[in-house]
Amino acid sequence: MERKTISVTGMSCNGCEQNVKSALQNIEGITRIDADHEGDTVELVAEDDVADDDIEAAIENAGYDVEA
């Protein structure tokens, strides 16, 4: 398992946090998701084989931006 912290812009409320969580829950291998719109971060715990590209694509498809 690997812990990741991702910088996400565009989240402005609890509803945005839920949108990001819902998008990430569709990825097999992610076991924990904590989104924080005030800190512009998403912290997650995922199996080692979960691709960063898949995580970023899910967040972007939900309408938010991932910062490098």
Protein backbone atom coordinates (compact mmCIF):
# COMPACT_ATOMS: atom_id res chain seq x y z
CA MET A 1 0.00 0.00 0.00
CA GLU A 2 1.12 3.47 -0.81
CA ARG A 3 0.00 6.81 0.64
CA LYS A 4 -0.26 9.65 -1.89
CA THR A 5 -0.98 13.35 -1.52
CA ILE A 6 -2.22 15.12 -4.64
CA SER A 7 -2.64 18.87 -5.13
CA VAL A 8 -6.04 19.55 -6.66
CA THR A 9 -7.39 22.95 -7.66
CA GLY A 10 -11.00 23.88 -8.29
CA MET A 11 -12.56 22.35 -5.18
CA SER A 12 -14.51 25.03 -3.32
CA CYS A 13 -16.92 23.14 -1.03
CA ASN A 14 -17.82 19.83 0.58
CA GLY A 15 -19.77 18.90 -2.54
CA CYS A 16 -16.58 19.22 -4.58
CA GLU A 17 -14.83 16.93 -2.12
CA GLN A 18 -17.60 14.37 -2.61
CA ASN A 19 -17.32 14.64 -6.40
CA VAL A 20 -13.60 13.86 -6.25
CA LYS A 21 -14.14 11.00 -3.79
CA SER A 22 -16.84 9.49 -6.01
CA ALA A 23 -14.58 9.66 -9.06
CA LEU A 24 -11.72 7.96 -7.24
CA GLN A 25 -13.90 5.26 -5.70
CA ASN A 26 -14.31 3.82 -9.20
CA ILE A 27 -10.61 2.91 -9.32
CA GLU A 28 -9.91 -0.58 -8.05
CA GLY A 29 -7.15 -0.69 -5.46
CA ILE A 30 -7.82 2.62 -3.71
CA THR A 31 -8.73 1.88 -0.11
CA ARG A 32 -8.96 5.33 1.49
CA ILE A 33 -9.71 8.82 0.15
CA ASP A 34 -9.63 12.12 2.05
CA ALA A 35 -10.34 15.28 0.05
CA ASP A 36 -9.81 18.74 1.58
CA HIS A 37 -11.12 21.69 -0.42
CA GLU A 38 -9.58 24.20 2.01
CA GLY A 39 -6.12 22.71 1.63
CA ASP A 40 -6.54 21.88 -2.07
CA THR A 41 -5.40 18.31 -1.46
CA VAL A 42 -6.53 14.75 -1.86
CA GLU A 43 -4.84 12.13 0.28
CA LEU A 44 -5.34 8.51 -0.56
CA VAL A 45 -4.09 5.04 0.21
CA ALA A 46 -3.77 2.75 -2.77
CA GLU A 47 -2.22 -0.51 -3.78
CA ASP A 48 1.19 -0.12 -5.40
CA ASP A 49 -0.08 -1.01 -8.87
CA VAL A 50 -2.62 1.84 -9.07
CA ALA A 51 -1.31 4.16 -11.79
CA ASP A 52 -0.89 7.87 -11.06
CA ASP A 53 -2.25 8.58 -14.56
CA ASP A 54 -5.51 6.81 -13.70
CA ILE A 55 -5.86 8.85 -10.51
CA GLU A 56 -5.17 12.13 -12.31
CA ALA A 57 -7.57 11.27 -15.14
CA ALA A 58 -10.39 10.48 -12.70
CA ILE A 59 -9.93 13.80 -10.90
CA GLU A 60 -9.74 15.76 -14.15
CA ASN A 61 -12.79 13.96 -15.58
CA ALA A 62 -14.67 15.07 -12.45
CA GLY A 63 -13.89 18.68 -13.42
CA TYR A 64 -10.88 19.54 -11.26
CA ASP A 65 -7.21 20.21 -12.00
CA VAL A 66 -4.25 18.22 -10.72
CA GLU A 67 -1.11 20.26 -10.05
CA ALA A 68 2.31 18.70 -10.56
